[in-house]
Amino acid sequence: MQIDLLFACDENYAPYAGVVLRSVWQTRGNEEQFRVWFISDGISATTQKQLKDWFPQMEITFLSLPDGFMAQAPVQNKHLSRAAYARLAMGSVLPAEVTRVIYLDCDLLVRRPLGELWTFDLGDKIVAGVEDWGVYLMRKQGMFFFPPKEAYIGSGLLVADVNAWREHRCEEKCLAYAASPAYPLRFEDQDILNFALRGRMALLPPQWDVVLHLSKEELRRRNAPEEWVFARENPFVIHFATFNKPWLKACSLPYAGEFQAHMRALGLRLQKLKFRIKITKLCAYWRRHPVFFLKPKFWVKWREKGWGSFF
């Protein structure tokens, strides 16, 4: 079974795509082979060669993001860049022979063979993803608008019918929505994807894109669906969808150790948390917990997690 994988990233994130690919390879099924496509927003020749050298068993191709694509689109979340929008160009950038892809972000850890995902039945839908847990809870609190009775999916892992994407001119629809959004964009490409393709998106089981910033206890306290609680404890794919990335020394999230083990195997070093981010997180934590420094419980947590305590 040949599976087409798609990444879309810049030079900063490209090495971590290698970590994702290693997790894919280590958990593959017996009959699974992979053809890998990168929509590159400035990935250097050195990094391209490095990725190919890491995975000689995979056919890896780099395709350039068109000049000016989404050049004026806003980036609200500071850990992202314009490359966050690059996946929306899949229809025009990928060659015609590519008719279906699994799109993967660079901050994922794959823990289950992807064959089941590859054969997921899209029916008459164009794209499938897991409902975004954080946005779901924001909608319940009236903090985010999306049409009722419709699921808002996360864009970190997608199964896409690329032929249908081209046939229904999805890239054009996404560009049109980005140029004149009904609401200010809060989650970059994810907002565009969900609003522009309403009614054409299918839901994947929640185990395929498990975010870690919500604990099992927090999900239950906020009356999240019980299947999400089960997925949180039995994930197929981990998504480190926060500032607290697993390539940071300060990362204390569950499963970060697994991600970092793949980094060591590839010769990648852990990164230090930037001072600006440290101060930002400290101030945000201070606003939520004004007297945290007086509580012995915090200092126990600090000894365990260090700067990770503030995430």
C-alpha atoms as a PDB file:
ATOM      1  CA  MET A   1       0.000   0.000   0.000  1.00  0.00           C
ATOM      2  CA  GLN A   2       1.529   3.305  -1.082  1.00  0.00           C
ATOM      3  CA  ILE A   3       0.477   6.253   1.053  1.00  0.00           C
ATOM      4  CA  ASP A   4       1.011   9.855  -0.020  1.00  0.00           C
ATOM      5  CA  LEU A   5       2.002  12.106   2.879  1.00  0.00           C
ATOM      6  CA  LEU A   6       2.004  15.898   2.692  1.00  0.00           C
ATOM      7  CA  PHE A   7       3.892  18.451   4.794  1.00  0.00           C
ATOM      8  CA  ALA A   8       3.864  22.220   4.364  1.00  0.00           C
ATOM      9  CA  CYS A   9       6.511  24.128   6.274  1.00  0.00           C
ATOM     10  CA  ASP A  10       9.449  26.514   6.298  1.00  0.00           C
ATOM     11  CA  GLU A  11      13.106  26.033   7.232  1.00  0.00           C
ATOM     12  CA  ASN A  12      12.445  26.351  10.980  1.00  0.00           C
ATOM     13  CA  TYR A  13       9.951  23.500  11.153  1.00  0.00           C
ATOM     14  CA  ALA A  14      11.303  21.194   8.436  1.00  0.00           C
ATOM     15  CA  PRO A  15      13.708  19.203  10.687  1.00  0.00           C
ATOM     16  CA  TYR A  16      10.801  18.302  12.964  1.00  0.00           C
ATOM     17  CA  ALA A  17       8.937  16.919   9.978  1.00  0.00           C
ATOM     18  CA  GLY A  18      11.767  14.402  10.041  1.00  0.00           C
ATOM     19  CA  VAL A  19      10.750  13.438  13.573  1.00  0.00           C
ATOM     20  CA  VAL A  20       7.168  12.955  12.421  1.00  0.00           C
ATOM     21  CA  LEU A  21       8.353  10.820   9.507  1.00  0.00           C
ATOM     22  CA  ARG A  22      10.478   8.678  11.805  1.00  0.00           C
ATOM     23  CA  SER A  23       7.462   8.076  14.060  1.00  0.00           C
ATOM     24  CA  VAL A  24       5.457   7.139  10.948  1.00  0.00           C
ATOM     25  CA  TRP A  25       8.145   4.703   9.809  1.00  0.00           C
ATOM     26  CA  GLN A  26       8.601   3.128  13.236  1.00  0.00           C
ATOM     27  CA  THR A  27       4.863   2.396  13.550  1.00  0.00           C
ATOM     28  CA  ARG A  28       4.131   1.454   9.923  1.00  0.00           C
ATOM     29  CA  GLY A  29       2.159  -1.607   8.907  1.00  0.00           C
ATOM     30  CA  ASN A  30       3.840  -4.466   7.038  1.00  0.00           C
ATOM     31  CA  GLU A  31       2.567  -3.430   3.610  1.00  0.00           C
ATOM     32  CA  GLU A  32       2.858   0.332   3.984  1.00  0.00           C
ATOM     33  CA  GLN A  33       5.192   2.373   1.786  1.00  0.00           C
ATOM     34  CA  PHE A  34       5.331   6.146   1.706  1.00  0.00           C
ATOM     35  CA  ARG A  35       5.698   8.848  -0.892  1.00  0.00           C
ATOM     36  CA  VAL A  36       6.315  12.183   0.818  1.00  0.00           C
ATOM     37  CA  TRP A  37       5.588  15.652  -0.553  1.00  0.00           C
ATOM     38  CA  PHE A  38       6.747  18.917   0.965  1.00  0.00           C
ATOM     39  CA  ILE A  39       5.223  22.259   0.045  1.00  0.00           C
ATOM     40  CA  SER A  40       8.308  24.298   0.847  1.00  0.00           C
ATOM     41  CA  ASP A  41       8.287  27.889   2.027  1.00  0.00           C
ATOM     42  CA  GLY A  42      12.035  28.417   1.850  1.00  0.00           C
ATOM     43  CA  ILE A  43      13.379  25.035   3.010  1.00  0.00           C
ATOM     44  CA  SER A  44      17.116  25.147   2.304  1.00  0.00           C
ATOM     45  CA  ALA A  45      18.948  22.723   0.021  1.00  0.00           C
ATOM     46  CA  THR A  46      20.911  21.507   3.064  1.00  0.00           C
ATOM     47  CA  THR A  47      17.768  20.618   4.993  1.00  0.00           C
ATOM     48  CA  GLN A  48      16.211  19.004   1.928  1.00  0.00           C
ATOM     49  CA  LYS A  49      19.258  16.764   1.555  1.00  0.00           C
ATOM     50  CA  GLN A  50      19.206  15.961   5.267  1.00  0.00           C
ATOM     51  CA  LEU A  51      15.600  14.787   5.113  1.00  0.00           C
ATOM     52  CA  LYS A  52      16.317  12.615   2.073  1.00  0.00           C
ATOM     53  CA  ASP A  53      19.407  11.153   3.736  1.00  0.00           C
ATOM     54  CA  TRP A  54      17.419  10.298   6.863  1.00  0.00           C
ATOM     55  CA  PHE A  55      14.802   8.379   4.874  1.00  0.00           C
ATOM     56  CA  PRO A  56      16.326   6.751   1.779  1.00  0.00           C
ATOM     57  CA  GLN A  57      13.477   4.231   1.881  1.00  0.00           C
ATOM     58  CA  MET A  58      10.966   6.994   1.088  1.00  0.00           C
ATOM     59  CA  GLU A  59      10.497   8.979  -2.105  1.00  0.00           C
ATOM     60  CA  ILE A  60      10.647  12.603  -0.921  1.00  0.00           C
ATOM     61  CA  THR A  61       9.843  15.528  -3.225  1.00  0.00           C
ATOM     62  CA  PHE A  62      10.015  19.255  -2.462  1.00  0.00           C
ATOM     63  CA  LEU A  63       7.636  21.634  -4.228  1.00  0.00           C
ATOM     64  CA  SER A  64       7.826  25.400  -3.945  1.00  0.00           C
ATOM     65  CA  LEU A  65       5.033  27.508  -2.540  1.00  0.00           C
ATOM     66  CA  PRO A  66       3.946  30.021  -5.213  1.00  0.00           C
ATOM     67  CA  ASP A  67       5.431  33.491  -4.790  1.00  0.00           C
ATOM     68  CA  GLY A  68       3.088  35.769  -2.910  1.00  0.00           C
ATOM     69  CA  PHE A  69       0.729  33.000  -1.801  1.00  0.00           C
ATOM     70  CA  MET A  70      -1.160  34.335   1.241  1.00  0.00           C
ATOM     71  CA  ALA A  71       1.569  36.970   1.623  1.00  0.00           C
ATOM     72  CA  GLN A  72      -0.784  39.396   3.377  1.00  0.00           C
ATOM     73  CA  ALA A  73      -2.654  36.841   5.462  1.00  0.00           C
ATOM     74  CA  PRO A  74      -2.416  37.515   9.201  1.00  0.00           C
ATOM     75  CA  VAL A  75      -0.512  35.280  11.602  1.00  0.00           C
ATOM     76  CA  GLN A  76      -2.152  35.502  15.017  1.00  0.00           C
ATOM     77  CA  ASN A  77      -0.305  32.731  16.848  1.00  0.00           C
ATOM     78  CA  LYS A  78       3.331  33.730  17.238  1.00  0.00           C
ATOM     79  CA  HIS A  79       4.731  30.200  16.976  1.00  0.00           C
ATOM     80  CA  LEU A  80       3.403  30.002  13.400  1.00  0.00           C
ATOM     81  CA  SER A  81       4.442  31.615  10.117  1.00  0.00           C
ATOM     82  CA  ARG A  82       3.003  32.140   6.635  1.00  0.00           C
ATOM     83  CA  ALA A  83       3.787  28.481   5.972  1.00  0.00           C
ATOM     84  CA  ALA A  84       0.724  27.635   8.079  1.00  0.00           C
ATOM     85  CA  TYR A  85      -1.377  28.564   5.033  1.00  0.00           C
ATOM     86  CA  ALA A  86       0.674  26.515   2.564  1.00  0.00           C
ATOM     87  CA  ARG A  87      -1.451  23.365   2.902  1.00  0.00           C
ATOM     88  CA  LEU A  88      -4.304  25.274   1.241  1.00  0.00           C
ATOM     89  CA  ALA A  89      -2.264  25.264  -1.993  1.00  0.00           C
ATOM     90  CA  MET A  90      -2.223  21.453  -2.250  1.00  0.00           C
ATOM     91  CA  GLY A  91      -4.464  21.299  -5.317  1.00  0.00           C
ATOM     92  CA  SER A  92      -2.328  23.517  -7.509  1.00  0.00           C
ATOM     93  CA  VAL A  93       1.122  22.569  -6.187  1.00  0.00           C
ATOM     94  CA  LEU A  94       0.851  18.776  -6.066  1.00  0.00           C
ATOM     95  CA  PRO A  95       1.213  16.957  -9.411  1.00  0.00           C
ATOM     96  CA  ALA A  96      -1.940  15.582 -11.045  1.00  0.00           C
ATOM     97  CA  GLU A  97      -0.936  12.006 -10.177  1.00  0.00           C
ATOM     98  CA  VAL A  98      -1.533  12.760  -6.486  1.00  0.00           C
ATOM     99  CA  THR A  99      -5.239  12.218  -5.889  1.00  0.00           C
ATOM    100  CA  ARG A 100      -5.358  11.709  -2.116  1.00  0.00           C
ATOM    101  CA  VAL A 101      -3.055  12.725   0.743  1.00  0.00           C
ATOM    102  CA  ILE A 102      -2.682  12.549   4.479  1.00  0.00           C
ATOM    103  CA  TYR A 103      -1.529  15.991   5.588  1.00  0.00           C
ATOM    104  CA  LEU A 104       0.618  16.100   8.760  1.00  0.00           C
ATOM    105  CA  ASP A 105       1.808  19.035  10.856  1.00  0.00           C
ATOM    106  CA  CYS A 106       5.422  19.039  12.052  1.00  0.00           C
ATOM    107  CA  ASP A 107       4.516  18.838  15.755  1.00  0.00           C
ATOM    108  CA  LEU A 108       2.852  15.419  15.655  1.00  0.00           C
ATOM    109  CA  LEU A 109       3.863  12.057  17.078  1.00  0.00           C
ATOM    110  CA  VAL A 110       2.383   9.123  15.172  1.00  0.00           C
ATOM    111  CA  ARG A 111       1.841   6.015  17.304  1.00  0.00           C
ATOM    112  CA  ARG A 112      -0.319   3.849  15.024  1.00  0.00           C
ATOM    113  CA  PRO A 113      -0.024   2.649  11.395  1.00  0.00           C
ATOM    114  CA  LEU A 114      -1.554   5.138   8.968  1.00  0.00           C
ATOM    115  CA  GLY A 115      -3.127   2.538   6.659  1.00  0.00           C
ATOM    116  CA  GLU A 116      -6.472   2.758   8.455  1.00  0.00           C
ATOM    117  CA  LEU A 117      -6.441   6.527   8.035  1.00  0.00           C
ATOM    118  CA  TRP A 118      -5.453   6.246   4.371  1.00  0.00           C
ATOM    119  CA  THR A 119      -8.496   4.083   3.597  1.00  0.00           C
ATOM    120  CA  PHE A 120     -10.950   6.259   5.568  1.00  0.00           C
ATOM    121  CA  ASP A 121     -14.170   6.644   3.593  1.00  0.00           C
ATOM    122  CA  LEU A 122     -14.719  10.327   2.841  1.00  0.00           C
ATOM    123  CA  GLY A 123     -18.068   9.703   1.147  1.00  0.00           C
ATOM    124  CA  ASP A 124     -19.018  12.899  -0.647  1.00  0.00           C
ATOM    125  CA  LYS A 125     -16.756  15.045   1.552  1.00  0.00           C
ATOM    126  CA  ILE A 126     -13.485  16.618   0.457  1.00  0.00           C
ATOM    127  CA  VAL A 127     -11.472  16.784   3.673  1.00  0.00           C
ATOM    128  CA  ALA A 128     -11.614  14.934   6.992  1.00  0.00           C
ATOM    129  CA  GLY A 129     -10.139  15.944  10.340  1.00  0.00           C
ATOM    130  CA  VAL A 130     -10.730  15.638  14.066  1.00  0.00           C
ATOM    131  CA  GLU A 131     -13.026  18.148  15.738  1.00  0.00           C
ATOM    132  CA  ASP A 132     -10.925  20.828  17.429  1.00  0.00           C
ATOM    133  CA  TRP A 133     -11.440  20.226  21.138  1.00  0.00           C
ATOM    134  CA  GLY A 134     -10.386  23.690  22.252  1.00  0.00           C
ATOM    135  CA  VAL A 135     -12.675  25.464  19.776  1.00  0.00           C
ATOM    136  CA  TYR A 136     -15.533  23.126  20.730  1.00  0.00           C
ATOM    137  CA  LEU A 137     -15.242  24.255  24.351  1.00  0.00           C
ATOM    138  CA  MET A 138     -14.866  27.901  23.323  1.00  0.00           C
ATOM    139  CA  ARG A 139     -18.075  27.624  21.300  1.00  0.00           C
ATOM    140  CA  LYS A 140     -19.909  26.211  24.330  1.00  0.00           C
ATOM    141  CA  GLN A 141     -18.828  29.284  26.293  1.00  0.00           C
ATOM    142  CA  GLY A 142     -19.853  31.684  23.527  1.00  0.00           C
ATOM    143  CA  MET A 143     -16.219  32.657  22.900  1.00  0.00           C
ATOM    144  CA  PHE A 144     -16.065  31.586  19.260  1.00  0.00           C
ATOM    145  CA  PHE A 145     -18.709  31.614  16.532  1.00  0.00           C
ATOM    146  CA  PHE A 146     -19.175  28.796  14.064  1.00  0.00           C
ATOM    147  CA  PRO A 147     -22.554  27.718  12.648  1.00  0.00           C
ATOM    148  CA  PRO A 148     -24.449  25.507  15.112  1.00  0.00           C
ATOM    149  CA  LYS A 149     -24.676  21.761  14.456  1.00  0.00           C
ATOM    150  CA  GLU A 150     -21.510  21.844  12.363  1.00  0.00           C
ATOM    151  CA  ALA A 151     -18.170  20.537  13.598  1.00  0.00           C
ATOM    152  CA  TYR A 152     -15.085  22.752  13.401  1.00  0.00           C
ATOM    153  CA  ILE A 153     -12.102  20.545  12.577  1.00  0.00           C
ATOM    154  CA  GLY A 154      -8.442  20.974  13.409  1.00  0.00           C
ATOM    155  CA  SER A 155      -6.067  21.314  10.458  1.00  0.00           C
ATOM    156  CA  GLY A 156      -3.030  19.583  11.975  1.00  0.00           C
ATOM    157  CA  LEU A 157      -3.940  16.205  10.506  1.00  0.00           C
ATOM    158  CA  LEU A 158      -6.148  15.928   7.440  1.00  0.00           C
ATOM    159  CA  VAL A 159      -7.218  13.303   4.955  1.00  0.00           C
ATOM    160  CA  ALA A 160      -7.903  15.078   1.667  1.00  0.00           C
ATOM    161  CA  ASP A 161      -9.373  14.004  -1.657  1.00  0.00           C
ATOM    162  CA  VAL A 162      -7.088  16.138  -3.809  1.00  0.00           C
ATOM    163  CA  ASN A 163      -9.071  15.455  -6.981  1.00  0.00           C
ATOM    164  CA  ALA A 164     -12.243  16.729  -5.318  1.00  0.00           C
ATOM    165  CA  TRP A 165     -10.259  19.667  -3.902  1.00  0.00           C
ATOM    166  CA  ARG A 166      -9.340  20.642  -7.462  1.00  0.00           C
ATOM    167  CA  GLU A 167     -12.761  19.892  -8.956  1.00  0.00           C
ATOM    168  CA  HIS A 168     -14.574  22.061  -6.395  1.00  0.00           C
ATOM    169  CA  ARG A 169     -11.971  24.853  -6.660  1.00  0.00           C
ATOM    170  CA  CYS A 170     -11.298  24.742  -2.936  1.00  0.00           C
ATOM    171  CA  GLU A 171      -8.083  26.731  -3.154  1.00  0.00           C
ATOM    172  CA  GLU A 172      -9.949  29.544  -4.890  1.00  0.00           C
ATOM    173  CA  LYS A 173     -12.669  29.433  -2.220  1.00  0.00           C
ATOM    174  CA  CYS A 174     -10.082  29.553   0.553  1.00  0.00           C
ATOM    175  CA  LEU A 175      -8.297  32.522  -1.019  1.00  0.00           C
ATOM    176  CA  ALA A 176     -11.606  34.330  -1.459  1.00  0.00           C
ATOM    177  CA  TYR A 177     -12.532  33.770   2.184  1.00  0.00           C
ATOM    178  CA  ALA A 178      -9.080  34.893   3.363  1.00  0.00           C
ATOM    179  CA  ALA A 179      -9.480  38.108   1.371  1.00  0.00           C
ATOM    180  CA  SER A 180     -12.877  38.843   2.914  1.00  0.00           C
ATOM    181  CA  PRO A 181     -13.475  36.781   6.066  1.00  0.00           C
ATOM    182  CA  ALA A 182     -16.857  36.863   7.764  1.00  0.00           C
ATOM    183  CA  TYR A 183     -15.046  37.100  11.119  1.00  0.00           C
ATOM    184  CA  PRO A 184     -11.479  38.123  12.007  1.00  0.00           C
ATOM    185  CA  LEU A 185      -9.137  35.149  11.599  1.00  0.00           C
ATOM    186  CA  ARG A 186      -8.130  33.728  14.975  1.00  0.00           C
ATOM    187  CA  PHE A 187      -6.700  30.373  13.915  1.00  0.00           C
ATOM    188  CA  GLU A 188      -5.150  31.140  10.525  1.00  0.00           C
ATOM    189  CA  ASP A 189      -5.616  28.438   7.867  1.00  0.00           C
ATOM    190  CA  GLN A 190      -7.905  26.471  10.163  1.00  0.00           C
ATOM    191  CA  ASP A 191     -10.520  29.247  10.183  1.00  0.00           C
ATOM    192  CA  ILE A 192     -10.281  29.600   6.414  1.00  0.00           C
ATOM    193  CA  LEU A 193     -10.625  25.864   5.848  1.00  0.00           C
ATOM    194  CA  ASN A 194     -13.650  25.505   8.109  1.00  0.00           C
ATOM    195  CA  PHE A 195     -15.577  28.546   6.928  1.00  0.00           C
ATOM    196  CA  ALA A 196     -14.764  28.218   3.218  1.00  0.00           C
ATOM    197  CA  LEU A 197     -15.537  24.477   3.024  1.00  0.00           C
ATOM    198  CA  ARG A 198     -18.540  24.274   5.323  1.00  0.00           C
ATOM    199  CA  GLY A 199     -20.593  21.176   4.675  1.00  0.00           C
ATOM    200  CA  ARG A 200     -17.769  19.415   2.785  1.00  0.00           C
ATOM    201  CA  MET A 201     -15.754  18.188   5.782  1.00  0.00           C
ATOM    202  CA  ALA A 202     -15.950  14.788   7.469  1.00  0.00           C
ATOM    203  CA  LEU A 203     -15.061  13.919  11.058  1.00  0.00           C
ATOM    204  CA  LEU A 204     -12.274  11.517  11.930  1.00  0.00           C
ATOM    205  CA  PRO A 205     -12.321   9.559  15.214  1.00  0.00           C
ATOM    206  CA  PRO A 206     -10.772  11.776  17.922  1.00  0.00           C
ATOM    207  CA  GLN A 207      -7.848   9.408  18.576  1.00  0.00           C
ATOM    208  CA  TRP A 208      -6.265  10.571  15.308  1.00  0.00           C
ATOM    209  CA  ASP A 209      -5.424  14.092  16.558  1.00  0.00           C
ATOM    210  CA  VAL A 210      -5.128  14.275  20.336  1.00  0.00           C
ATOM    211  CA  VAL A 211      -4.147  17.677  21.724  1.00  0.00           C
ATOM    212  CA  LEU A 212      -2.414  17.716  25.092  1.00  0.00           C
ATOM    213  CA  HIS A 213      -3.257  21.085  26.625  1.00  0.00           C
ATOM    214  CA  LEU A 214      -6.517  19.641  28.005  1.00  0.00           C
ATOM    215  CA  SER A 215      -6.138  16.909  30.625  1.00  0.00           C
ATOM    216  CA  LYS A 216      -8.583  14.045  31.115  1.00  0.00           C
ATOM    217  CA  GLU A 217      -9.830  15.750  34.284  1.00  0.00           C
ATOM    218  CA  GLU A 218     -10.260  19.100  32.522  1.00  0.00           C
ATOM    219  CA  LEU A 219     -12.208  17.486  29.679  1.00  0.00           C
ATOM    220  CA  ARG A 220     -14.565  15.801  32.136  1.00  0.00           C
ATOM    221  CA  ARG A 221     -14.964  18.957  34.222  1.00  0.00           C
ATOM    222  CA  ARG A 222     -16.022  20.847  31.096  1.00  0.00           C
ATOM    223  CA  ASN A 223     -18.448  18.122  29.983  1.00  0.00           C
ATOM    224  CA  ALA A 224     -16.548  17.168  26.839  1.00  0.00           C
ATOM    225  CA  PRO A 225     -17.719  14.029  24.996  1.00  0.00           C
ATOM    226  CA  GLU A 226     -16.573  10.867  26.756  1.00  0.00           C
ATOM    227  CA  GLU A 227     -14.943   9.595  23.535  1.00  0.00           C
ATOM    228  CA  TRP A 228     -12.502  12.504  23.801  1.00  0.00           C
ATOM    229  CA  VAL A 229     -11.562  11.433  27.323  1.00  0.00           C
ATOM    230  CA  PHE A 230     -10.921   7.913  26.000  1.00  0.00           C
ATOM    231  CA  ALA A 231      -8.882   9.310  23.082  1.00  0.00           C
ATOM    232  CA  ARG A 232      -6.795  11.425  25.486  1.00  0.00           C
ATOM    233  CA  GLU A 233      -5.749   8.233  27.247  1.00  0.00           C
ATOM    234  CA  ASN A 234      -5.458   6.059  24.117  1.00  0.00           C
ATOM    235  CA  PRO A 235      -4.087   8.314  21.344  1.00  0.00           C
ATOM    236  CA  PHE A 236      -3.184   7.253  17.811  1.00  0.00           C
ATOM    237  CA  VAL A 237      -1.556  10.603  16.990  1.00  0.00           C
ATOM    238  CA  ILE A 238      -0.326  13.155  19.536  1.00  0.00           C
ATOM    239  CA  HIS A 239      -0.529  16.826  18.549  1.00  0.00           C
ATOM    240  CA  PHE A 240       1.659  19.272  20.482  1.00  0.00           C
ATOM    241  CA  ALA A 241      -0.556  22.186  19.413  1.00  0.00           C
ATOM    242  CA  THR A 242       0.698  24.746  21.943  1.00  0.00           C
ATOM    243  CA  PHE A 243       3.652  27.067  22.462  1.00  0.00           C
ATOM    244  CA  ASN A 244       5.141  24.277  24.580  1.00  0.00           C
ATOM    245  CA  LYS A 245       6.712  22.341  21.716  1.00  0.00           C
ATOM    246  CA  PRO A 246       8.393  18.976  22.340  1.00  0.00           C
ATOM    247  CA  TRP A 247      11.719  20.178  20.910  1.00  0.00           C
ATOM    248  CA  LEU A 248      12.055  22.642  23.813  1.00  0.00           C
ATOM    249  CA  LYS A 249      14.062  21.700  26.899  1.00  0.00           C
ATOM    250  CA  ALA A 250      11.286  23.177  29.038  1.00  0.00           C
ATOM    251  CA  CYS A 251       8.574  20.951  27.537  1.00  0.00           C
ATOM    252  CA  SER A 252       6.923  18.853  30.225  1.00  0.00           C
ATOM    253  CA  LEU A 253       3.952  17.571  28.244  1.00  0.00           C
ATOM    254  CA  PRO A 254       3.115  13.864  28.180  1.00  0.00           C
ATOM    255  CA  TYR A 255       4.751  12.000  25.272  1.00  0.00           C
ATOM    256  CA  ALA A 256       7.378  14.733  24.810  1.00  0.00           C
ATOM    257  CA  GLY A 257       9.967  12.126  25.805  1.00  0.00           C
ATOM    258  CA  GLU A 258       8.941   9.936  22.855  1.00  0.00           C
ATOM    259  CA  PHE A 259       9.265  12.852  20.441  1.00  0.00           C
ATOM    260  CA  GLN A 260      12.667  13.746  21.889  1.00  0.00           C
ATOM    261  CA  ALA A 261      13.856  10.130  21.566  1.00  0.00           C
ATOM    262  CA  HIS A 262      13.215  10.401  17.815  1.00  0.00           C
ATOM    263  CA  MET A 263      15.108  13.718  17.822  1.00  0.00           C
ATOM    264  CA  ARG A 264      18.138  12.095  19.441  1.00  0.00           C
ATOM    265  CA  ALA A 265      18.059   9.259  16.915  1.00  0.00           C
ATOM    266  CA  LEU A 266      18.214  11.856  14.114  1.00  0.00           C
ATOM    267  CA  GLY A 267      20.895  13.927  15.819  1.00  0.00           C
ATOM    268  CA  LEU A 268      18.637  16.923  16.524  1.00  0.00           C
ATOM    269  CA  ARG A 269      19.278  19.035  19.610  1.00  0.00           C
ATOM    270  CA  LEU A 270      16.704  20.339  22.054  1.00  0.00           C
ATOM    271  CA  GLN A 271      16.084  24.081  21.886  1.00  0.00           C
ATOM    272  CA  LYS A 272      16.121  26.561  24.752  1.00  0.00           C
ATOM    273  CA  LEU A 273      12.975  28.545  25.478  1.00  0.00           C
ATOM    274  CA  LYS A 274      13.426  32.144  24.312  1.00  0.00           C
ATOM    275  CA  PHE A 275      13.573  34.728  27.070  1.00  0.00           C
ATOM    276  CA  ARG A 276      10.687  36.688  25.552  1.00  0.00           C
ATOM    277  CA  ILE A 277       8.446  33.623  25.674  1.00  0.00           C
ATOM    278  CA  LYS A 278       9.513  32.871  29.250  1.00  0.00           C
ATOM    279  CA  ILE A 279       8.477  36.334  30.393  1.00  0.00           C
ATOM    280  CA  THR A 280       5.207  36.214  28.405  1.00  0.00           C
ATOM    281  CA  LYS A 281       4.259  32.878  29.952  1.00  0.00           C
ATOM    282  CA  LEU A 282       5.284  33.985  33.435  1.00  0.00           C
ATOM    283  CA  CYS A 283       3.110  37.109  33.187  1.00  0.00           C
ATOM    284  CA  ALA A 284       0.132  35.152  31.821  1.00  0.00           C
ATOM    285  CA  TYR A 285       0.456  32.620  34.649  1.00  0.00           C
ATOM    286  CA  TRP A 286       0.772  35.427  37.194  1.00  0.00           C
ATOM    287  CA  ARG A 287      -2.495  36.974  35.991  1.00  0.00           C
ATOM    288  CA  ARG A 288      -4.281  33.632  36.419  1.00  0.00           C
ATOM    289  CA  HIS A 289      -2.587  32.808  39.752  1.00  0.00           C
ATOM    290  CA  PRO A 290      -1.687  36.126  41.465  1.00  0.00           C
ATOM    291  CA  VAL A 291      -0.112  34.573  44.601  1.00  0.00           C
ATOM    292  CA  PHE A 292       1.354  31.407  43.067  1.00  0.00           C
ATOM    293  CA  PHE A 293       4.804  32.129  44.556  1.00  0.00           C
ATOM    294  CA  LEU A 294       3.351  31.813  48.087  1.00  0.00           C
ATOM    295  CA  LYS A 295       2.063  28.300  47.544  1.00  0.00           C
ATOM    296  CA  PRO A 296       4.338  25.348  48.397  1.00  0.00           C
ATOM    297  CA  LYS A 297       2.446  23.263  45.828  1.00  0.00           C
ATOM    298  CA  PHE A 298       3.757  25.501  43.040  1.00  0.00           C
ATOM    299  CA  TRP A 299       7.380  25.057  44.094  1.00  0.00           C
ATOM    300  CA  VAL A 300       6.945  21.284  44.110  1.00  0.00           C
ATOM    301  CA  LYS A 301       5.663  21.631  40.542  1.00  0.00           C
ATOM    302  CA  TRP A 302       8.578  23.931  39.680  1.00  0.00           C
ATOM    303  CA  ARG A 303      11.121  21.358  40.856  1.00  0.00           C
ATOM    304  CA  GLU A 304       9.492  18.792  38.564  1.00  0.00           C
ATOM    305  CA  LYS A 305       8.829  20.898  35.476  1.00  0.00           C
ATOM    306  CA  GLY A 306      10.863  24.091  35.653  1.00  0.00           C
ATOM    307  CA  TRP A 307       9.659  26.635  33.068  1.00  0.00           C
ATOM    308  CA  GLY A 308       7.198  24.029  31.859  1.00  0.00           C
ATOM    309  CA  SER A 309       5.180  24.882  34.982  1.00  0.00           C
ATOM    310  CA  PHE A 310       3.954  28.046  33.292  1.00  0.00           C
ATOM    311  CA  PHE A 311       2.359  26.316  30.287  1.00  0.00           C
END
